[in-house]
C-alpha atoms as a PDB file:
ATOM      1  CA  UNK A   1     -93.388 -17.679 -12.600  1.00  0.00           C
ATOM      2  CA  UNK A   2     -90.580 -15.159 -12.194  1.00  0.00           C
ATOM      3  CA  UNK A   3     -89.419 -13.600 -15.437  1.00  0.00           C
ATOM      4  CA  UNK A   4     -85.777 -13.363 -16.558  1.00  0.00           C
ATOM      5  CA  UNK A   5     -83.657 -10.950 -14.529  1.00  0.00           C
ATOM      6  CA  UNK A   6     -83.118  -8.492 -17.389  1.00  0.00           C
ATOM      7  CA  UNK A   7     -85.242  -7.817 -20.463  1.00  0.00           C
ATOM      8  CA  UNK A   8     -83.488  -7.762 -23.847  1.00  0.00           C
ATOM      9  CA  UNK A   9     -85.621  -4.872 -25.057  1.00  0.00           C
ATOM     10  CA  UNK A  10     -86.644  -1.648 -23.358  1.00  0.00           C
ATOM     11  CA  UNK A  11     -90.224  -1.703 -22.149  1.00  0.00           C
ATOM     12  CA  UNK A  12     -93.341   0.348 -21.614  1.00  0.00           C
ATOM     13  CA  UNK A  13     -94.794  -0.834 -18.327  1.00  0.00           C
ATOM     14  CA  UNK A  14     -97.992  -0.648 -16.350  1.00  0.00           C
ATOM     15  CA  UNK A  15     -98.384  -2.056 -12.838  1.00  0.00           C
ATOM     16  CA  UNK A  16    -101.322  -3.725 -11.120  1.00  0.00           C
ATOM     17  CA  UNK A  17    -103.090  -6.953 -10.219  1.00  0.00           C
ATOM     18  CA  UNK A  18    -105.326  -6.754 -13.329  1.00  0.00           C
ATOM     19  CA  UNK A  19    -107.715  -9.303 -11.822  1.00  0.00           C
ATOM     20  CA  UNK A  20    -110.388 -10.031 -14.407  1.00  0.00           C
ATOM     21  CA  UNK A  21    -108.669  -8.016 -17.171  1.00  0.00           C
ATOM     22  CA  UNK A  22    -111.973  -6.122 -17.356  1.00  0.00           C
ATOM     23  CA  UNK A  23    -113.046  -3.369 -19.760  1.00  0.00           C
ATOM     24  CA  UNK A  24    -111.231  -0.725 -17.688  1.00  0.00           C
ATOM     25  CA  UNK A  25    -108.010  -2.743 -17.818  1.00  0.00           C
ATOM     26  CA  UNK A  26    -108.485  -3.268 -21.543  1.00  0.00           C
ATOM     27  CA  UNK A  27    -108.305   0.498 -22.154  1.00  0.00           C
ATOM     28  CA  UNK A  28    -104.946   0.594 -20.374  1.00  0.00           C
ATOM     29  CA  UNK A  29    -103.709  -2.389 -22.407  1.00  0.00           C
ATOM     30  CA  UNK A  30    -104.709  -0.629 -25.645  1.00  0.00           C
ATOM     31  CA  UNK A  31    -102.693   2.430 -24.594  1.00  0.00           C
ATOM     32  CA  UNK A  32     -99.765   0.228 -23.545  1.00  0.00           C
ATOM     33  CA  UNK A  33     -99.652  -1.441 -26.969  1.00  0.00           C
ATOM     34  CA  UNK A  34    -100.065   1.905 -28.740  1.00  0.00           C
ATOM     35  CA  UNK A  35     -97.083   3.423 -26.907  1.00  0.00           C
ATOM     36  CA  UNK A  36     -95.071   0.255 -27.501  1.00  0.00           C
ATOM     37  CA  UNK A  37     -95.574   0.465 -31.253  1.00  0.00           C
ATOM     38  CA  UNK A  38     -94.908   4.208 -31.352  1.00  0.00           C
ATOM     39  CA  UNK A  39     -91.683   4.074 -29.353  1.00  0.00           C
ATOM     40  CA  UNK A  40     -90.453   0.572 -30.228  1.00  0.00           C
ATOM     41  CA  UNK A  41     -90.862  -0.585 -26.624  1.00  0.00           C
ATOM     42  CA  UNK A  42     -92.097  -3.974 -25.422  1.00  0.00           C
ATOM     43  CA  UNK A  43     -95.562  -3.604 -23.811  1.00  0.00           C
ATOM     44  CA  UNK A  44     -95.314  -5.159 -20.350  1.00  0.00           C
ATOM     45  CA  UNK A  45     -97.622  -5.661 -17.392  1.00  0.00           C
ATOM     46  CA  UNK A  46     -96.017  -6.068 -13.982  1.00  0.00           C
ATOM     47  CA  UNK A  47     -98.280  -7.912 -11.589  1.00  0.00           C
ATOM     48  CA  UNK A  48     -97.911  -9.626  -8.245  1.00  0.00           C
ATOM     49  CA  UNK A  49     -98.791 -13.043  -6.864  1.00  0.00           C
ATOM     50  CA  UNK A  50     -99.988 -13.944  -4.317  1.00  0.00           C
ATOM     51  CA  UNK A  51    -102.391 -11.010  -4.166  1.00  0.00           C
ATOM     52  CA  UNK A  52    -100.864  -8.449  -1.752  1.00  0.00           C
ATOM     53  CA  UNK A  53    -103.910  -8.728   0.520  1.00  0.00           C
ATOM     54  CA  UNK A  54    -103.198 -12.438   0.973  1.00  0.00           C
ATOM     55  CA  UNK A  55     -99.732 -11.601   2.291  1.00  0.00           C
ATOM     56  CA  UNK A  56    -100.114  -8.294   4.127  1.00  0.00           C
ATOM     57  CA  UNK A  57    -103.574  -8.833   5.633  1.00  0.00           C
ATOM     58  CA  UNK A  58    -103.388 -12.625   5.858  1.00  0.00           C
ATOM     59  CA  UNK A  59    -106.603 -12.540   3.816  1.00  0.00           C
ATOM     60  CA  UNK A  60    -106.290 -16.076   2.528  1.00  0.00           C
ATOM     61  CA  UNK A  61    -110.017 -16.105   1.786  1.00  0.00           C
ATOM     62  CA  UNK A  62    -109.850 -13.544  -1.008  1.00  0.00           C
ATOM     63  CA  UNK A  63    -110.929 -15.183  -4.250  1.00  0.00           C
ATOM     64  CA  UNK A  64    -109.707 -13.985  -7.630  1.00  0.00           C
ATOM     65  CA  UNK A  65    -111.545 -13.732 -10.936  1.00  0.00           C
ATOM     66  CA  UNK A  66    -108.630 -15.275 -12.845  1.00  0.00           C
ATOM     67  CA  UNK A  67    -105.883 -17.741 -12.108  1.00  0.00           C
ATOM     68  CA  UNK A  68    -102.426 -16.655 -13.271  1.00  0.00           C
ATOM     69  CA  UNK A  69    -102.655 -18.993 -16.283  1.00  0.00           C
ATOM     70  CA  UNK A  70    -106.104 -17.648 -17.206  1.00  0.00           C
ATOM     71  CA  UNK A  71    -104.827 -14.074 -16.931  1.00  0.00           C
ATOM     72  CA  UNK A  72    -101.950 -14.855 -19.315  1.00  0.00           C
ATOM     73  CA  UNK A  73    -104.416 -16.348 -21.814  1.00  0.00           C
ATOM     74  CA  UNK A  74    -106.722 -13.323 -21.680  1.00  0.00           C
ATOM     75  CA  UNK A  75    -103.863 -10.848 -22.036  1.00  0.00           C
ATOM     76  CA  UNK A  76    -102.553 -12.703 -25.098  1.00  0.00           C
ATOM     77  CA  UNK A  77    -106.052 -12.500 -26.581  1.00  0.00           C
ATOM     78  CA  UNK A  78    -105.846  -8.717 -26.212  1.00  0.00           C
ATOM     79  CA  UNK A  79    -102.413  -8.655 -27.848  1.00  0.00           C
ATOM     80  CA  UNK A  80    -100.159  -8.466 -24.813  1.00  0.00           C
ATOM     81  CA  UNK A  81     -97.496 -11.181 -24.665  1.00  0.00           C
ATOM     82  CA  UNK A  82     -95.329  -9.995 -21.796  1.00  0.00           C
ATOM     83  CA  UNK A  83     -96.776 -10.529 -18.320  1.00  0.00           C
ATOM     84  CA  UNK A  84     -94.172 -10.309 -15.570  1.00  0.00           C
ATOM     85  CA  UNK A  85     -95.349 -11.961 -12.351  1.00  0.00           C
ATOM     86  CA  UNK A  86     -93.403 -10.895  -9.284  1.00  0.00           C
ATOM     87  CA  UNK A  87     -93.729 -13.089  -6.213  1.00  0.00           C
ATOM     88  CA  UNK A  88     -95.208 -10.910  -3.482  1.00  0.00           C
ATOM     89  CA  UNK A  89     -93.699 -11.580  -0.069  1.00  0.00           C
ATOM     90  CA  UNK A  90     -93.329  -9.724   3.225  1.00  0.00           C
ATOM     91  CA  UNK A  91     -89.712  -9.037   2.234  1.00  0.00           C
ATOM     92  CA  UNK A  92     -90.752  -7.638  -1.140  1.00  0.00           C
ATOM     93  CA  UNK A  93     -93.347  -5.392   0.554  1.00  0.00           C
ATOM     94  CA  UNK A  94     -90.559  -3.790   2.612  1.00  0.00           C
ATOM     95  CA  UNK A  95     -88.667  -2.497  -0.440  1.00  0.00           C
ATOM     96  CA  UNK A  96     -88.480   1.291  -0.405  1.00  0.00           C
ATOM     97  CA  UNK A  97     -89.952   3.119  -3.385  1.00  0.00           C
ATOM     98  CA  UNK A  98     -86.483   3.793  -4.820  1.00  0.00           C
ATOM     99  CA  UNK A  99     -85.359   0.178  -4.282  1.00  0.00           C
ATOM    100  CA  UNK A 100     -88.465  -0.974  -6.176  1.00  0.00           C
ATOM    101  CA  UNK A 101     -87.829   1.474  -9.024  1.00  0.00           C
ATOM    102  CA  UNK A 102     -84.120   0.678  -9.241  1.00  0.00           C
ATOM    103  CA  UNK A 103     -84.218  -3.112  -8.932  1.00  0.00           C
ATOM    104  CA  UNK A 104     -87.504  -3.953 -10.684  1.00  0.00           C
ATOM    105  CA  UNK A 105     -88.508  -1.180 -13.083  1.00  0.00           C
ATOM    106  CA  UNK A 106     -85.033  -0.109 -14.220  1.00  0.00           C
ATOM    107  CA  UNK A 107     -82.715  -3.120 -13.871  1.00  0.00           C
ATOM    108  CA  UNK A 108     -85.128  -6.000 -14.422  1.00  0.00           C
ATOM    109  CA  UNK A 109     -87.668  -4.507 -16.812  1.00  0.00           C
ATOM    110  CA  UNK A 110     -85.521  -1.871 -18.553  1.00  0.00           C
ATOM    111  CA  UNK A 111     -88.526   0.478 -18.400  1.00  0.00           C
ATOM    112  CA  UNK A 112     -88.464   3.628 -20.527  1.00  0.00           C
ATOM    113  CA  UNK A 113     -92.150   4.566 -20.269  1.00  0.00           C
ATOM    114  CA  UNK A 114     -94.547   3.863 -17.381  1.00  0.00           C
ATOM    115  CA  UNK A 115     -98.322   4.208 -17.599  1.00  0.00           C
ATOM    116  CA  UNK A 116     -99.934   4.421 -14.191  1.00  0.00           C
ATOM    117  CA  UNK A 117    -103.087   5.653 -12.445  1.00  0.00           C
ATOM    118  CA  UNK A 118    -102.927   9.205 -11.136  1.00  0.00           C
ATOM    119  CA  UNK A 119    -103.627   7.880  -7.606  1.00  0.00           C
ATOM    120  CA  UNK A 120    -101.112   5.001  -7.661  1.00  0.00           C
ATOM    121  CA  UNK A 121     -99.032   4.452  -4.510  1.00  0.00           C
ATOM    122  CA  UNK A 122     -96.036   2.162  -4.199  1.00  0.00           C
ATOM    123  CA  UNK A 123     -93.031   1.259  -2.084  1.00  0.00           C
ATOM    124  CA  UNK A 124     -92.905   0.346   1.617  1.00  0.00           C
ATOM    125  CA  UNK A 125     -96.247   1.217   3.278  1.00  0.00           C
ATOM    126  CA  UNK A 126     -97.377   2.596  -0.111  1.00  0.00           C
ATOM    127  CA  UNK A 127     -95.573   5.790   0.838  1.00  0.00           C
ATOM    128  CA  UNK A 128     -94.651   7.031  -2.657  1.00  0.00           C
ATOM    129  CA  UNK A 129     -97.031   8.519  -5.233  1.00  0.00           C
ATOM    130  CA  UNK A 130     -96.982   9.485  -8.883  1.00  0.00           C
ATOM    131  CA  UNK A 131     -95.026  12.699  -8.206  1.00  0.00           C
ATOM    132  CA  UNK A 132     -92.273  10.592  -6.649  1.00  0.00           C
ATOM    133  CA  UNK A 133     -92.348   8.270  -9.661  1.00  0.00           C
ATOM    134  CA  UNK A 134     -91.984  11.242 -12.029  1.00  0.00           C
ATOM    135  CA  UNK A 135     -88.961  12.420 -10.000  1.00  0.00           C
ATOM    136  CA  UNK A 136     -87.433   8.918 -10.174  1.00  0.00           C
ATOM    137  CA  UNK A 137     -88.084   8.933 -13.918  1.00  0.00           C
ATOM    138  CA  UNK A 138     -86.008  12.087 -14.379  1.00  0.00           C
ATOM    139  CA  UNK A 139     -83.165  10.466 -12.449  1.00  0.00           C
ATOM    140  CA  UNK A 140     -83.315   7.015 -14.066  1.00  0.00           C
ATOM    141  CA  UNK A 141     -84.356   8.035 -17.570  1.00  0.00           C
ATOM    142  CA  UNK A 142     -87.970   6.945 -18.013  1.00  0.00           C
ATOM    143  CA  UNK A 143     -91.180   8.828 -18.767  1.00  0.00           C
ATOM    144  CA  UNK A 144     -94.301   8.627 -16.621  1.00  0.00           C
ATOM    145  CA  UNK A 145     -97.766   8.879 -18.145  1.00  0.00           C
ATOM    146  CA  UNK A 146    -100.659   9.347 -15.736  1.00  0.00           C
ATOM    147  CA  UNK A 147    -104.055   7.806 -16.334  1.00  0.00           C
ATOM    148  CA  UNK A 148    -106.397  10.610 -15.333  1.00  0.00           C
ATOM    149  CA  UNK A 149    -109.295  10.407 -12.908  1.00  0.00           C
ATOM    150  CA  UNK A 150    -111.615  11.049 -15.849  1.00  0.00           C
ATOM    151  CA  UNK A 151    -110.227   8.110 -17.814  1.00  0.00           C
ATOM    152  CA  UNK A 152    -110.412   5.799 -14.793  1.00  0.00           C
ATOM    153  CA  UNK A 153    -113.929   6.894 -13.813  1.00  0.00           C
ATOM    154  CA  UNK A 154    -115.191   6.821 -17.394  1.00  0.00           C
ATOM    155  CA  UNK A 155    -115.550   3.088 -16.967  1.00  0.00           C
ATOM    156  CA  UNK A 156    -117.304   2.666 -13.627  1.00  0.00           C
ATOM    157  CA  UNK A 157    -116.064  -0.855 -13.174  1.00  0.00           C
ATOM    158  CA  UNK A 158    -113.712  -2.584 -10.758  1.00  0.00           C
ATOM    159  CA  UNK A 159    -112.504  -6.085  -9.990  1.00  0.00           C
ATOM    160  CA  UNK A 160    -114.276  -5.833  -6.625  1.00  0.00           C
ATOM    161  CA  UNK A 161    -117.630  -5.104  -8.291  1.00  0.00           C
ATOM    162  CA  UNK A 162    -117.144  -8.106 -10.583  1.00  0.00           C
ATOM    163  CA  UNK A 163    -116.269 -10.394  -7.669  1.00  0.00           C
ATOM    164  CA  UNK A 164    -119.407  -9.219  -5.855  1.00  0.00           C
ATOM    165  CA  UNK A 165    -121.567  -9.833  -8.927  1.00  0.00           C
ATOM    166  CA  UNK A 166    -120.194 -13.368  -9.342  1.00  0.00           C
ATOM    167  CA  UNK A 167    -120.666 -14.136  -5.643  1.00  0.00           C
ATOM    168  CA  UNK A 168    -124.297 -13.041  -6.026  1.00  0.00           C
ATOM    169  CA  UNK A 169    -124.757 -15.109  -9.189  1.00  0.00           C
ATOM    170  CA  UNK A 170    -125.192 -11.974 -11.307  1.00  0.00           C
ATOM    171  CA  UNK A 171    -123.459 -13.286 -14.417  1.00  0.00           C
ATOM    172  CA  UNK A 172    -124.998 -10.645 -16.686  1.00  0.00           C
ATOM    173  CA  UNK A 173    -123.364  -7.788 -14.755  1.00  0.00           C
ATOM    174  CA  UNK A 174    -120.048  -9.618 -14.378  1.00  0.00           C
ATOM    175  CA  UNK A 175    -119.846 -10.394 -18.097  1.00  0.00           C
ATOM    176  CA  UNK A 176    -120.763  -6.833 -19.092  1.00  0.00           C
ATOM    177  CA  UNK A 177    -117.975  -5.465 -16.872  1.00  0.00           C
ATOM    178  CA  UNK A 178    -115.470  -8.070 -18.070  1.00  0.00           C
ATOM    179  CA  UNK A 179    -116.236  -7.583 -21.746  1.00  0.00           C
ATOM    180  CA  UNK A 180    -116.159 -11.365 -22.197  1.00  0.00           C
ATOM    181  CA  UNK A 181    -117.835 -14.373 -20.579  1.00  0.00           C
ATOM    182  CA  UNK A 182    -116.494 -15.286 -17.139  1.00  0.00           C
ATOM    183  CA  UNK A 183    -114.996 -18.757 -17.290  1.00  0.00           C
ATOM    184  CA  UNK A 184    -113.747 -21.652 -15.210  1.00  0.00           C
ATOM    185  CA  UNK A 185    -110.856 -23.904 -16.220  1.00  0.00           C
ATOM    186  CA  UNK A 186    -109.899 -27.270 -14.802  1.00  0.00           C
ATOM    187  CA  UNK A 187    -109.432 -30.967 -15.462  1.00  0.00           C
ATOM    188  CA  UNK A 188    -112.380 -33.327 -15.956  1.00  0.00           C
ATOM    189  CA  UNK A 189    -112.423 -36.024 -13.257  1.00  0.00           C
ATOM    190  CA  UNK A 190    -114.680 -38.976 -12.521  1.00  0.00           C
ATOM    191  CA  UNK A 191    -117.714 -38.219 -10.373  1.00  0.00           C
ATOM    192  CA  UNK A 192    -120.314 -40.456  -8.755  1.00  0.00           C
ATOM    193  CA  UNK A 193    -122.045 -41.139 -12.061  1.00  0.00           C
ATOM    194  CA  UNK A 194    -125.354 -39.739 -10.791  1.00  0.00           C
ATOM    195  CA  UNK A 195    -125.897 -37.642 -13.909  1.00  0.00           C
ATOM    196  CA  UNK A 196    -125.741 -40.687 -16.140  1.00  0.00           C
ATOM    197  CA  UNK A 197    -128.500 -42.426 -14.143  1.00  0.00           C
ATOM    198  CA  UNK A 198    -130.623 -39.301 -14.711  1.00  0.00           C
ATOM    199  CA  UNK A 199    -129.815 -39.390 -18.456  1.00  0.00           C
ATOM    200  CA  UNK A 200    -127.897 -36.151 -17.870  1.00  0.00           C
ATOM    201  CA  UNK A 201    -124.246 -37.301 -17.872  1.00  0.00           C
ATOM    202  CA  UNK A 202    -121.891 -34.620 -16.573  1.00  0.00           C
ATOM    203  CA  UNK A 203    -118.257 -33.655 -16.837  1.00  0.00           C
ATOM    204  CA  UNK A 204    -116.987 -33.015 -13.315  1.00  0.00           C
ATOM    205  CA  UNK A 205    -114.567 -30.101 -13.317  1.00  0.00           C
ATOM    206  CA  UNK A 206    -111.697 -30.155 -10.836  1.00  0.00           C
ATOM    207  CA  UNK A 207    -110.282 -26.660 -10.301  1.00  0.00           C
ATOM    208  CA  UNK A 208    -106.874 -26.952  -8.694  1.00  0.00           C
ATOM    209  CA  UNK A 209    -106.392 -23.303  -7.708  1.00  0.00           C
ATOM    210  CA  UNK A 210    -108.135 -22.796  -4.360  1.00  0.00           C
ATOM    211  CA  UNK A 211    -108.024 -19.023  -4.789  1.00  0.00           C
ATOM    212  CA  UNK A 212    -110.199 -19.118  -7.933  1.00  0.00           C
ATOM    213  CA  UNK A 213    -113.585 -17.499  -7.380  1.00  0.00           C
ATOM    214  CA  UNK A 214    -116.466 -19.924  -7.901  1.00  0.00           C
ATOM    215  CA  UNK A 215    -119.802 -18.155  -8.518  1.00  0.00           C
ATOM    216  CA  UNK A 216    -122.916 -18.594  -6.384  1.00  0.00           C
ATOM    217  CA  UNK A 217    -124.369 -22.102  -6.236  1.00  0.00           C
ATOM    218  CA  UNK A 218    -126.960 -22.782  -8.885  1.00  0.00           C
ATOM    219  CA  UNK A 219    -127.581 -23.818 -12.473  1.00  0.00           C
ATOM    220  CA  UNK A 220    -125.982 -21.922 -15.354  1.00  0.00           C
ATOM    221  CA  UNK A 221    -126.120 -21.975 -19.150  1.00  0.00           C
ATOM    222  CA  UNK A 222    -122.575 -22.471 -20.458  1.00  0.00           C
ATOM    223  CA  UNK A 223    -120.500 -23.075 -23.550  1.00  0.00           C
ATOM    224  CA  UNK A 224    -117.139 -24.693 -24.287  1.00  0.00           C
ATOM    225  CA  UNK A 225    -114.997 -25.219 -27.351  1.00  0.00           C
ATOM    226  CA  UNK A 226    -114.084 -28.911 -27.519  1.00  0.00           C
ATOM    227  CA  UNK A 227    -111.957 -30.227 -30.387  1.00  0.00           C
ATOM    228  CA  UNK A 228    -112.590 -26.971 -32.265  1.00  0.00           C
ATOM    229  CA  UNK A 229    -116.347 -27.442 -31.906  1.00  0.00           C
ATOM    230  CA  UNK A 230    -118.605 -25.023 -30.006  1.00  0.00           C
ATOM    231  CA  UNK A 231    -120.722 -26.974 -27.533  1.00  0.00           C
ATOM    232  CA  UNK A 232    -123.453 -25.588 -25.281  1.00  0.00           C
ATOM    233  CA  UNK A 233    -124.688 -27.042 -22.038  1.00  0.00           C
ATOM    234  CA  UNK A 234    -125.780 -26.373 -18.485  1.00  0.00           C
ATOM    235  CA  UNK A 235    -123.682 -26.458 -15.357  1.00  0.00           C
ATOM    236  CA  UNK A 236    -124.502 -27.047 -11.719  1.00  0.00           C
ATOM    237  CA  UNK A 237    -122.418 -25.536  -8.943  1.00  0.00           C
ATOM    238  CA  UNK A 238    -123.379 -27.011  -5.597  1.00  0.00           C
ATOM    239  CA  UNK A 239    -123.583 -30.032  -3.327  1.00  0.00           C
ATOM    240  CA  UNK A 240    -126.396 -32.046  -4.980  1.00  0.00           C
ATOM    241  CA  UNK A 241    -128.669 -31.863  -1.900  1.00  0.00           C
ATOM    242  CA  UNK A 242    -131.337 -34.132  -3.423  1.00  0.00           C
ATOM    243  CA  UNK A 243    -128.943 -37.086  -3.075  1.00  0.00           C
ATOM    244  CA  UNK A 244    -127.509 -35.831   0.230  1.00  0.00           C
ATOM    245  CA  UNK A 245    -124.308 -34.475  -1.248  1.00  0.00           C
ATOM    246  CA  UNK A 246    -121.828 -32.709   1.028  1.00  0.00           C
ATOM    247  CA  UNK A 247    -118.899 -31.557  -1.093  1.00  0.00           C
ATOM    248  CA  UNK A 248    -119.351 -28.702  -3.551  1.00  0.00           C
ATOM    249  CA  UNK A 249    -118.836 -29.778  -7.146  1.00  0.00           C
ATOM    250  CA  UNK A 250    -118.857 -28.155 -10.573  1.00  0.00           C
ATOM    251  CA  UNK A 251    -120.628 -30.409 -13.095  1.00  0.00           C
ATOM    252  CA  UNK A 252    -121.379 -29.696 -16.748  1.00  0.00           C
ATOM    253  CA  UNK A 253    -123.887 -31.469 -18.969  1.00  0.00           C
ATOM    254  CA  UNK A 254    -123.270 -30.751 -22.652  1.00  0.00           C
ATOM    255  CA  UNK A 255    -126.112 -30.927 -25.163  1.00  0.00           C
ATOM    256  CA  UNK A 256    -125.722 -33.340 -28.124  1.00  0.00           C
ATOM    257  CA  UNK A 257    -122.284 -34.430 -26.979  1.00  0.00           C
ATOM    258  CA  UNK A 258    -121.119 -37.865 -25.850  1.00  0.00           C
ATOM    259  CA  UNK A 259    -117.311 -38.054 -26.173  1.00  0.00           C
ATOM    260  CA  UNK A 260    -115.237 -38.860 -23.086  1.00  0.00           C
ATOM    261  CA  UNK A 261    -113.523 -35.873 -21.489  1.00  0.00           C
ATOM    262  CA  UNK A 262    -111.887 -37.654 -18.548  1.00  0.00           C
ATOM    263  CA  UNK A 263    -108.453 -36.272 -17.595  1.00  0.00           C
ATOM    264  CA  UNK A 264    -108.693 -33.548 -20.229  1.00  0.00           C
ATOM    265  CA  UNK A 265    -108.486 -29.795 -19.617  1.00  0.00           C
ATOM    266  CA  UNK A 266    -111.755 -27.924 -20.035  1.00  0.00           C
ATOM    267  CA  UNK A 267    -112.686 -24.254 -20.211  1.00  0.00           C
ATOM    268  CA  UNK A 268    -116.321 -23.478 -19.396  1.00  0.00           C
ATOM    269  CA  UNK A 269    -117.775 -20.028 -20.176  1.00  0.00           C
ATOM    270  CA  UNK A 270    -120.810 -18.900 -18.174  1.00  0.00           C
ATOM    271  CA  UNK A 271    -123.551 -17.238 -20.229  1.00  0.00           C
ATOM    272  CA  UNK A 272    -126.624 -17.009 -17.999  1.00  0.00           C
ATOM    273  CA  UNK A 273    -127.857 -18.135 -14.582  1.00  0.00           C
ATOM    274  CA  UNK A 274    -130.997 -20.259 -14.658  1.00  0.00           C
ATOM    275  CA  UNK A 275    -131.868 -20.832 -11.004  1.00  0.00           C
ATOM    276  CA  UNK A 276    -130.724 -21.620  -7.470  1.00  0.00           C
ATOM    277  CA  UNK A 277    -129.799 -25.123  -6.420  1.00  0.00           C
ATOM    278  CA  UNK A 278    -132.759 -26.871  -4.740  1.00  0.00           C
ATOM    279  CA  UNK A 279    -133.337 -30.025  -2.759  1.00  0.00           C
ATOM    280  CA  UNK A 280    -136.095 -31.921  -4.553  1.00  0.00           C
ATOM    281  CA  UNK A 281    -138.521 -34.382  -2.987  1.00  0.00           C
ATOM    282  CA  UNK A 282    -137.217 -37.202  -5.172  1.00  0.00           C
ATOM    283  CA  UNK A 283    -134.658 -38.043  -7.827  1.00  0.00           C
ATOM    284  CA  UNK A 284    -137.516 -38.223 -10.322  1.00  0.00           C
ATOM    285  CA  UNK A 285    -138.529 -34.646  -9.450  1.00  0.00           C
ATOM    286  CA  UNK A 286    -134.917 -33.570  -9.981  1.00  0.00           C
ATOM    287  CA  UNK A 287    -134.890 -35.281 -13.377  1.00  0.00           C
ATOM    288  CA  UNK A 288    -138.072 -33.452 -14.416  1.00  0.00           C
ATOM    289  CA  UNK A 289    -136.510 -30.124 -13.376  1.00  0.00           C
ATOM    290  CA  UNK A 290    -133.363 -30.888 -15.374  1.00  0.00           C
ATOM    291  CA  UNK A 291    -135.505 -31.560 -18.434  1.00  0.00           C
ATOM    292  CA  UNK A 292    -137.197 -28.201 -17.935  1.00  0.00           C
ATOM    293  CA  UNK A 293    -133.800 -26.510 -17.414  1.00  0.00           C
ATOM    294  CA  UNK A 294    -132.596 -27.953 -20.708  1.00  0.00           C
ATOM    295  CA  UNK A 295    -135.632 -26.611 -22.587  1.00  0.00           C
ATOM    296  CA  UNK A 296    -135.114 -23.174 -21.036  1.00  0.00           C
ATOM    297  CA  UNK A 297    -131.399 -23.285 -21.838  1.00  0.00           C
ATOM    298  CA  UNK A 298    -131.935 -24.297 -25.465  1.00  0.00           C
ATOM    299  CA  UNK A 299    -134.427 -21.456 -25.918  1.00  0.00           C
ATOM    300  CA  UNK A 300    -131.943 -18.978 -24.431  1.00  0.00           C
ATOM    301  CA  UNK A 301    -129.151 -20.273 -26.675  1.00  0.00           C
ATOM    302  CA  UNK A 302    -131.335 -20.014 -29.765  1.00  0.00           C
ATOM    303  CA  UNK A 303    -132.227 -16.408 -28.967  1.00  0.00           C
ATOM    304  CA  UNK A 304    -128.938 -15.134 -27.579  1.00  0.00           C
ATOM    305  CA  UNK A 305    -125.885 -17.238 -28.211  1.00  0.00           C
ATOM    306  CA  UNK A 306    -125.769 -18.042 -31.913  1.00  0.00           C
END
């Protein structure tokens, strides 16, 4: 996860967790790439893992919009190849501002241009601000470009707002803030086979990263690209209360698809939330609801997702 000690090329750097890589982040990435091309610098994002709150506040329950691997994939989609992930530890948090600048920004990243929010704080106890960074830049030979309050506030979006929307099952708001469809990635594992008995066979998604945010329980309209083919379906997040389930699962039923996906990686994009998870009076009642869900999903797909 750690990058090589020294970069071969000078860099233009921005710093942050970039959780979600949302539309606000995307503006910064555009600027990063623009400066990189103009000054022949390698556009670089410096991020930290675990999330600082997990380490400093022992907030192990914080859930993130993206796993590290997902974040890398999204950044590459937006044209940024170089993501440097620094392991965040108690020891790292105690670096002074100048130690951080000297060891990480200058020696490791070879930074010549830094793009940062006007209100950014860094170093031990977040004691240094952008004025300090500008002073360090004069000493170490890099420029500092501030992202103004106007530019930051122009897009009234934050990772926290997206996490809240997902927790509430508000996929429409989350996707509009992200600028792409929120997605889950994992490996397909064998389930109990209940879906097959209902004539709704499902791919059971195992998500290894416990810190990945799973949206509110319920039924969602989804899509995946499988073997270069776009496939739509519906997904249930929940415990299957009708059959006395206990453990939360993520199960996807794809429409007009019958190939085996066992042990294969799968990316599932969430398009729309259909309903809450319910406990039905019988398995037959559940089956009837699933049939209705499929009709509703197919209508939505026809009108919105083609």
